[in-house]
Amino acid sequence: MNATATFETKHAGRYLAALCDHFSHRVSATYDDQAGHVKFPFGFCQMAASSARLALTASAQDAARLEQDIDVVTRHLDLFAFRENPNLTWHRSPDANPKSSKTE
């Protein structure tokens, strides 16, 4: 199951690095200037940074784990990018059985 979100920002690379570096203290995380991958016990998140946006893809085996993945990534991005108020809207794959009102 997958869900995607994008955050329009000129600081995508900075946020990608901050997220991956932070998560690397507890789980496996790799990144460079344009891409990052974090492996959580409940799923993983891939990130891609461009000059205008940060693209996020959360993946997990089931809907409950996907929601956990989304929650962790969203909360941490909110902390790192609080000045820009990311306000992510996650778009879940049709088989993800969304639970949030911010689903499309």
N, C-alpha and C. Protein backbone atom coordinates (compact mmCIF):
# COMPACT_ATOMS: atom_id res chain seq x y z
N MET A 1 0.84 -1.17 0.00
CA MET A 1 0.00 0.00 0.00
C MET A 1 0.89 1.23 0.00
N ASN A 2 0.46 2.24 -0.74
CA ASN A 2 1.24 3.46 -0.87
C ASN A 2 0.38 4.69 -0.68
N ALA A 3 1.04 5.76 -0.30
CA ALA A 3 0.41 7.07 -0.23
C ALA A 3 1.48 8.10 -0.62
N THR A 4 1.05 9.15 -1.30
CA THR A 4 1.99 10.18 -1.73
C THR A 4 1.52 11.56 -1.26
N ALA A 5 2.48 12.44 -1.09
CA ALA A 5 2.19 13.83 -0.73
C ALA A 5 3.32 14.69 -1.28
N THR A 6 3.01 15.94 -1.55
CA THR A 6 4.04 16.89 -1.97
C THR A 6 3.94 18.14 -1.12
N PHE A 7 5.08 18.75 -0.92
CA PHE A 7 5.18 19.98 -0.15
C PHE A 7 5.93 20.98 -1.01
N GLU A 8 5.24 22.02 -1.43
CA GLU A 8 5.84 23.06 -2.26
C GLU A 8 6.73 23.93 -1.37
N THR A 9 8.04 23.89 -1.62
CA THR A 9 8.99 24.66 -0.82
C THR A 9 10.30 24.82 -1.58
N LYS A 10 10.97 25.92 -1.33
CA LYS A 10 12.30 26.14 -1.91
C LYS A 10 13.39 25.47 -1.08
N HIS A 11 12.99 24.89 0.06
CA HIS A 11 13.95 24.29 0.98
C HIS A 11 13.82 22.77 1.04
N ALA A 12 13.38 22.15 -0.04
CA ALA A 12 13.12 20.71 -0.05
C ALA A 12 14.36 19.90 0.33
N GLY A 13 15.50 20.23 -0.21
CA GLY A 13 16.72 19.50 0.10
C GLY A 13 17.09 19.59 1.57
N ARG A 14 16.90 20.74 2.15
CA ARG A 14 17.19 20.93 3.57
C ARG A 14 16.27 20.06 4.43
N TYR A 15 14.98 20.04 4.10
CA TYR A 15 14.05 19.23 4.89
C TYR A 15 14.29 17.74 4.69
N LEU A 16 14.60 17.33 3.47
CA LEU A 16 14.92 15.93 3.20
C LEU A 16 16.10 15.50 4.06
N ALA A 17 17.17 16.29 4.06
CA ALA A 17 18.35 15.95 4.85
C ALA A 17 18.04 15.94 6.35
N ALA A 18 17.28 16.91 6.82
CA ALA A 18 16.94 16.97 8.25
C ALA A 18 16.12 15.76 8.68
N LEU A 19 15.13 15.40 7.87
CA LEU A 19 14.30 14.24 8.20
C LEU A 19 15.13 12.96 8.23
N CYS A 20 15.88 12.73 7.17
CA CYS A 20 16.67 11.50 7.08
C CYS A 20 17.73 11.43 8.17
N ASP A 21 18.39 12.54 8.43
CA ASP A 21 19.41 12.56 9.48
C ASP A 21 18.76 12.28 10.84
N HIS A 22 17.65 12.89 11.11
CA HIS A 22 16.94 12.68 12.37
C HIS A 22 16.52 11.21 12.52
N PHE A 23 15.89 10.67 11.49
CA PHE A 23 15.42 9.28 11.57
C PHE A 23 16.59 8.29 11.67
N SER A 24 17.75 8.66 11.12
CA SER A 24 18.89 7.73 11.10
C SER A 24 19.40 7.41 12.51
N HIS A 25 19.00 8.17 13.51
CA HIS A 25 19.41 7.88 14.88
C HIS A 25 18.68 6.67 15.45
N ARG A 26 17.57 6.27 14.82
CA ARG A 26 16.78 5.15 15.33
C ARG A 26 16.53 4.04 14.30
N VAL A 27 16.49 4.40 13.03
CA VAL A 27 16.20 3.43 11.98
C VAL A 27 17.16 3.64 10.81
N SER A 28 17.10 2.75 9.84
CA SER A 28 17.96 2.87 8.67
C SER A 28 17.46 4.00 7.77
N ALA A 29 18.36 4.93 7.45
CA ALA A 29 18.02 6.05 6.57
C ALA A 29 19.23 6.41 5.73
N THR A 30 18.99 6.58 4.43
CA THR A 30 20.05 7.00 3.52
C THR A 30 19.52 8.18 2.71
N TYR A 31 20.44 9.06 2.32
CA TYR A 31 20.02 10.22 1.52
C TYR A 31 21.22 10.89 0.86
N ASP A 32 20.89 11.65 -0.17
CA ASP A 32 21.84 12.55 -0.80
C ASP A 32 21.10 13.87 -1.01
N ASP A 33 21.58 14.72 -1.89
CA ASP A 33 20.96 16.04 -2.08
C ASP A 33 19.56 15.98 -2.68
N GLN A 34 19.24 14.90 -3.39
CA GLN A 34 17.97 14.85 -4.12
C GLN A 34 17.03 13.73 -3.71
N ALA A 35 17.51 12.74 -2.98
CA ALA A 35 16.65 11.59 -2.64
C ALA A 35 16.99 11.04 -1.27
N GLY A 36 15.96 10.49 -0.63
CA GLY A 36 16.15 9.88 0.67
C GLY A 36 15.25 8.67 0.82
N HIS A 37 15.67 7.75 1.68
CA HIS A 37 14.90 6.53 1.93
C HIS A 37 15.03 6.20 3.42
N VAL A 38 13.89 6.05 4.08
CA VAL A 38 13.87 5.71 5.50
C VAL A 38 13.10 4.42 5.66
N LYS A 39 13.69 3.47 6.38
CA LYS A 39 13.03 2.18 6.62
C LYS A 39 12.61 2.13 8.09
N PHE A 40 11.31 2.21 8.32
CA PHE A 40 10.74 2.10 9.65
C PHE A 40 10.37 0.63 9.92
N PRO A 41 10.14 0.25 11.17
CA PRO A 41 9.68 -1.11 11.45
C PRO A 41 8.30 -1.41 10.83
N PHE A 42 7.53 -0.37 10.55
CA PHE A 42 6.16 -0.53 10.05
C PHE A 42 6.02 -0.19 8.57
N GLY A 43 7.09 0.25 7.91
CA GLY A 43 7.02 0.61 6.50
C GLY A 43 8.24 1.42 6.11
N PHE A 44 8.13 2.14 5.01
CA PHE A 44 9.24 2.99 4.63
C PHE A 44 8.72 4.24 3.91
N CYS A 45 9.61 5.22 3.79
CA CYS A 45 9.26 6.46 3.12
C CYS A 45 10.39 6.82 2.16
N GLN A 46 10.01 7.13 0.94
CA GLN A 46 10.96 7.62 -0.05
C GLN A 46 10.68 9.11 -0.22
N MET A 47 11.75 9.88 -0.36
CA MET A 47 11.65 11.33 -0.53
C MET A 47 12.45 11.77 -1.74
N ALA A 48 11.94 12.75 -2.44
CA ALA A 48 12.65 13.33 -3.57
C ALA A 48 12.55 14.84 -3.48
N ALA A 49 13.70 15.50 -3.55
CA ALA A 49 13.74 16.96 -3.44
C ALA A 49 14.08 17.57 -4.79
N SER A 50 13.36 18.62 -5.13
CA SER A 50 13.69 19.42 -6.31
C SER A 50 13.82 20.86 -5.83
N SER A 51 14.02 21.77 -6.75
CA SER A 51 14.17 23.17 -6.37
C SER A 51 12.85 23.79 -5.90
N ALA A 52 11.73 23.12 -6.16
CA ALA A 52 10.43 23.70 -5.82
C ALA A 52 9.57 22.85 -4.90
N ARG A 53 9.97 21.57 -4.65
CA ARG A 53 9.07 20.73 -3.85
C ARG A 53 9.78 19.53 -3.25
N LEU A 54 9.15 19.02 -2.20
CA LEU A 54 9.57 17.77 -1.59
C LEU A 54 8.44 16.77 -1.85
N ALA A 55 8.76 15.68 -2.54
CA ALA A 55 7.79 14.63 -2.83
C ALA A 55 8.02 13.48 -1.86
N LEU A 56 6.94 12.97 -1.27
CA LEU A 56 7.02 11.91 -0.28
C LEU A 56 6.17 10.73 -0.73
N THR A 57 6.68 9.53 -0.57
CA THR A 57 5.92 8.31 -0.83
C THR A 57 6.08 7.40 0.37
N ALA A 58 4.99 7.14 1.05
CA ALA A 58 4.97 6.22 2.18
C ALA A 58 4.45 4.87 1.70
N SER A 59 5.05 3.80 2.18
CA SER A 59 4.64 2.45 1.79
C SER A 59 4.63 1.54 3.01
N ALA A 60 3.64 0.65 3.04
CA ALA A 60 3.52 -0.32 4.13
C ALA A 60 2.72 -1.51 3.65
N GLN A 61 2.72 -2.58 4.45
CA GLN A 61 2.03 -3.82 4.06
C GLN A 61 0.53 -3.74 4.25
N ASP A 62 0.06 -2.90 5.17
CA ASP A 62 -1.38 -2.82 5.41
C ASP A 62 -1.76 -1.38 5.78
N ALA A 63 -3.05 -1.13 5.84
CA ALA A 63 -3.55 0.23 6.07
C ALA A 63 -3.12 0.78 7.42
N ALA A 64 -3.14 -0.03 8.46
CA ALA A 64 -2.76 0.45 9.79
C ALA A 64 -1.30 0.89 9.82
N ARG A 65 -0.43 0.10 9.23
CA ARG A 65 0.99 0.47 9.18
C ARG A 65 1.22 1.68 8.28
N LEU A 66 0.48 1.78 7.21
CA LEU A 66 0.60 2.95 6.34
C LEU A 66 0.22 4.21 7.11
N GLU A 67 -0.84 4.16 7.89
CA GLU A 67 -1.25 5.32 8.68
C GLU A 67 -0.17 5.69 9.68
N GLN A 68 0.49 4.71 10.28
CA GLN A 68 1.57 4.97 11.22
C GLN A 68 2.74 5.64 10.50
N ASP A 69 3.08 5.15 9.34
CA ASP A 69 4.15 5.71 8.51
C ASP A 69 3.83 7.18 8.19
N ILE A 70 2.63 7.42 7.70
CA ILE A 70 2.19 8.78 7.35
C ILE A 70 2.25 9.70 8.56
N ASP A 71 1.76 9.21 9.69
CA ASP A 71 1.74 10.02 10.90
C ASP A 71 3.14 10.44 11.34
N VAL A 72 4.07 9.50 11.35
CA VAL A 72 5.43 9.80 11.79
C VAL A 72 6.10 10.81 10.85
N VAL A 73 5.99 10.58 9.56
CA VAL A 73 6.63 11.49 8.60
C VAL A 73 5.98 12.87 8.66
N THR A 74 4.66 12.93 8.72
CA THR A 74 3.96 14.22 8.77
C THR A 74 4.32 15.00 10.01
N ARG A 75 4.30 14.36 11.17
CA ARG A 75 4.61 15.06 12.42
C ARG A 75 6.03 15.61 12.42
N HIS A 76 6.97 14.84 11.90
CA HIS A 76 8.35 15.30 11.89
C HIS A 76 8.57 16.42 10.87
N LEU A 77 7.95 16.32 9.71
CA LEU A 77 8.07 17.42 8.75
C LEU A 77 7.44 18.69 9.32
N ASP A 78 6.33 18.55 10.00
CA ASP A 78 5.70 19.71 10.64
C ASP A 78 6.66 20.39 11.62
N LEU A 79 7.44 19.60 12.35
CA LEU A 79 8.41 20.17 13.29
C LEU A 79 9.55 20.88 12.58
N PHE A 80 10.10 20.25 11.55
CA PHE A 80 11.24 20.84 10.86
C PHE A 80 10.85 22.03 9.98
N ALA A 81 9.66 22.03 9.45
CA ALA A 81 9.23 23.08 8.52
C ALA A 81 8.13 23.95 9.11
N PHE A 82 8.13 24.12 10.42
CA PHE A 82 7.03 24.83 11.09
C PHE A 82 6.82 26.24 10.55
N ARG A 83 7.85 26.89 10.09
CA ARG A 83 7.70 28.25 9.57
C ARG A 83 6.91 28.28 8.26
N GLU A 84 6.89 27.15 7.55
CA GLU A 84 6.19 27.09 6.26
C GLU A 84 4.86 26.35 6.34
N ASN A 85 4.55 25.77 7.50
CA ASN A 85 3.28 25.06 7.69
C ASN A 85 2.97 24.11 6.53
N PRO A 86 3.65 22.95 6.48
CA PRO A 86 3.50 22.03 5.34
C PRO A 86 2.07 21.61 5.01
N ASN A 87 1.23 21.36 6.01
CA ASN A 87 -0.17 20.99 5.78
C ASN A 87 -0.32 19.97 4.65
N LEU A 88 0.31 18.81 4.82
CA LEU A 88 0.31 17.77 3.79
C LEU A 88 -1.06 17.14 3.58
N THR A 89 -1.37 16.86 2.35
CA THR A 89 -2.53 16.05 2.00
C THR A 89 -1.99 14.80 1.33
N TRP A 90 -2.23 13.66 1.97
CA TRP A 90 -1.74 12.39 1.45
C TRP A 90 -2.77 11.77 0.52
N HIS A 91 -2.32 11.29 -0.60
CA HIS A 91 -3.16 10.62 -1.59
C HIS A 91 -2.85 9.14 -1.53
N ARG A 92 -3.79 8.37 -0.99
CA ARG A 92 -3.58 6.95 -0.78
C ARG A 92 -3.98 6.15 -2.01
N SER A 93 -3.30 5.02 -2.20
CA SER A 93 -3.70 4.12 -3.27
C SER A 93 -5.10 3.59 -2.94
N PRO A 94 -5.88 3.21 -3.93
CA PRO A 94 -7.26 2.78 -3.69
C PRO A 94 -7.41 1.65 -2.67
N ASP A 95 -6.42 0.81 -2.54
CA ASP A 95 -6.52 -0.31 -1.60
C ASP A 95 -6.07 0.04 -0.19
N ALA A 96 -5.79 1.33 0.09
CA ALA A 96 -5.25 1.72 1.39
C ALA A 96 -6.31 1.97 2.45
N ASN A 97 -7.60 1.97 2.12
CA ASN A 97 -8.67 2.15 3.10
C ASN A 97 -8.41 3.37 3.99
N PRO A 98 -8.49 4.57 3.44
CA PRO A 98 -8.13 5.78 4.18
C PRO A 98 -8.97 5.98 5.43
N LYS A 99 -8.32 6.56 6.47
CA LYS A 99 -8.99 6.84 7.73
C LYS A 99 -9.03 8.35 8.03
N SER A 100 -8.31 9.12 7.26
CA SER A 100 -8.18 10.55 7.54
C SER A 100 -9.12 11.38 6.67
N SER A 101 -9.53 12.50 7.20
CA SER A 101 -10.37 13.41 6.43
C SER A 101 -9.56 14.16 5.38
N LYS A 102 -8.22 14.08 5.47
CA LYS A 102 -7.37 14.78 4.51
C LYS A 102 -6.92 13.82 3.41
N THR A 103 -7.77 12.91 3.02
CA THR A 103 -7.45 11.92 2.00
C THR A 103 -8.12 12.26 0.69
N GLU A 104 -7.43 12.01 -0.38
CA GLU A 104 -8.03 12.20 -1.70
C GLU A 104 -7.75 10.98 -2.52
